[in-house]
Amino acid sequence: MTDLASAILAINEKAVFTINNEDVKEITWYKDTSPIAEADILAKQKELQTAYDNNAYQRSRAEAYPSIADQLDDIYHNGVDAWKATIKAVKDKYPKE
């Protein structure tokens, strides 16, 4: 879940604040930071969470790909076509949605 602080900072990267209990109603603003409306914070939080969820395949692929060193070794020993097959298997397992 994307936290409230990430949403606030996505709206105003210079905001100074504290949040109690991850509750949008318990935000204290500091250093002349203009308060951001609760609805705007929650909408931004939902937007960030949707973007995060939509990119799950990227995170899964990154974990499943062999290291760069292993990929280069695969190319050296087995050729580019074998390397492409290895990469394609990961892409097929975690398709772009």
Protein backbone atom coordinates (compact mmCIF):
# COMPACT_ATOMS: atom_id res chain seq x y z
CA MET A 1 0.00 0.00 0.00
CA THR A 2 1.28 3.45 -0.87
CA ASP A 3 1.55 5.51 2.30
CA LEU A 4 0.13 8.96 2.94
CA ALA A 5 3.58 10.55 3.16
CA SER A 6 4.38 9.44 -0.40
CA ALA A 7 1.12 10.95 -1.60
CA ILE A 8 1.76 14.24 0.18
CA LEU A 9 5.30 14.49 -1.16
CA ALA A 10 4.08 13.70 -4.67
CA ILE A 11 1.81 16.74 -4.38
CA ASN A 12 4.33 19.01 -2.62
CA GLU A 13 7.91 17.72 -2.44
CA LYS A 14 8.83 20.44 0.06
CA ALA A 15 6.02 19.72 2.50
CA VAL A 16 7.01 19.36 6.14
CA PHE A 17 4.56 17.35 8.22
CA THR A 18 3.93 14.48 10.60
CA ILE A 19 1.23 11.84 10.36
CA ASN A 20 -0.12 9.91 13.33
CA ASN A 21 -1.31 6.34 12.80
CA GLU A 22 -1.29 6.72 8.99
CA ASP A 23 -4.54 8.66 9.39
CA VAL A 24 -5.27 11.47 6.93
CA LYS A 25 -7.18 13.27 9.68
CA GLU A 26 -4.07 13.30 11.91
CA ILE A 27 -1.63 15.33 9.82
CA THR A 28 0.25 18.22 11.39
CA TRP A 29 1.77 20.72 8.97
CA TYR A 30 5.00 22.57 9.79
CA LYS A 31 7.24 25.37 8.47
CA ASP A 32 4.54 27.29 6.65
CA THR A 33 3.54 24.25 4.58
CA SER A 34 0.10 24.91 3.14
CA PRO A 35 -2.24 22.15 4.22
CA ILE A 36 -3.38 19.84 1.43
CA ALA A 37 -7.02 18.79 1.35
CA GLU A 38 -7.70 15.27 2.61
CA ALA A 39 -9.53 14.39 -0.61
CA ASP A 40 -6.53 15.46 -2.69
CA ILE A 41 -4.15 13.38 -0.57
CA LEU A 42 -6.37 10.31 -0.79
CA ALA A 43 -6.83 10.74 -4.55
CA LYS A 44 -3.06 10.99 -5.04
CA GLN A 45 -2.54 7.96 -2.80
CA LYS A 46 -4.97 5.96 -4.94
CA GLU A 47 -3.25 7.16 -8.14
CA LEU A 48 0.18 6.14 -6.84
CA GLN A 49 -1.12 2.75 -5.69
CA THR A 50 -2.70 2.10 -9.11
CA ALA A 51 0.59 2.95 -10.84
CA TYR A 52 2.46 0.66 -8.44
CA ASP A 53 0.00 -2.20 -8.99
CA ASN A 54 0.11 -1.76 -12.76
CA ASN A 55 3.89 -2.23 -12.74
CA ALA A 56 3.97 -5.45 -10.71
CA TYR A 57 5.19 -7.35 -13.77
CA GLN A 58 8.30 -5.13 -13.90
CA ARG A 59 9.24 -5.95 -10.32
CA SER A 60 8.62 -9.65 -10.88
CA ARG A 61 10.73 -9.66 -14.03
CA ALA A 62 13.58 -7.80 -12.35
CA GLU A 63 13.75 -10.46 -9.64
CA ALA A 64 13.52 -13.34 -12.13
CA TYR A 65 16.11 -12.16 -14.67
CA PRO A 66 19.59 -13.62 -14.27
CA SER A 67 22.26 -11.15 -13.15
CA ILE A 68 24.01 -9.17 -15.88
CA ALA A 69 27.15 -11.26 -15.31
CA ASP A 70 25.16 -14.47 -15.80
CA GLN A 71 23.48 -13.06 -18.90
CA LEU A 72 26.83 -12.13 -20.43
CA ASP A 73 28.20 -15.57 -19.58
CA ASP A 74 25.15 -17.15 -21.24
CA ILE A 75 25.75 -15.11 -24.40
CA TYR A 76 29.44 -16.02 -24.44
CA HIS A 77 28.88 -19.76 -23.94
CA ASN A 78 25.53 -20.32 -25.68
CA GLY A 79 25.07 -17.41 -28.08
CA VAL A 80 22.58 -14.61 -28.38
CA ASP A 81 19.69 -16.87 -29.40
CA ALA A 82 19.96 -18.92 -26.19
CA TRP A 83 20.12 -15.71 -24.16
CA LYS A 84 17.02 -14.40 -25.95
CA ALA A 85 15.21 -17.65 -25.07
CA THR A 86 16.10 -17.20 -21.38
CA ILE A 87 14.84 -13.61 -21.37
CA LYS A 88 11.69 -14.53 -23.32
CA ALA A 89 10.85 -17.22 -20.76
CA VAL A 90 10.85 -14.58 -18.01
CA LYS A 91 8.82 -12.16 -20.12
CA ASP A 92 6.30 -14.90 -20.89
CA LYS A 93 6.05 -15.85 -17.20
CA TYR A 94 5.42 -12.20 -16.21
CA PRO A 95 3.62 -10.60 -19.18
CA LYS A 96 3.05 -6.90 -19.52
CA GLU A 97 -0.59 -6.28 -18.77
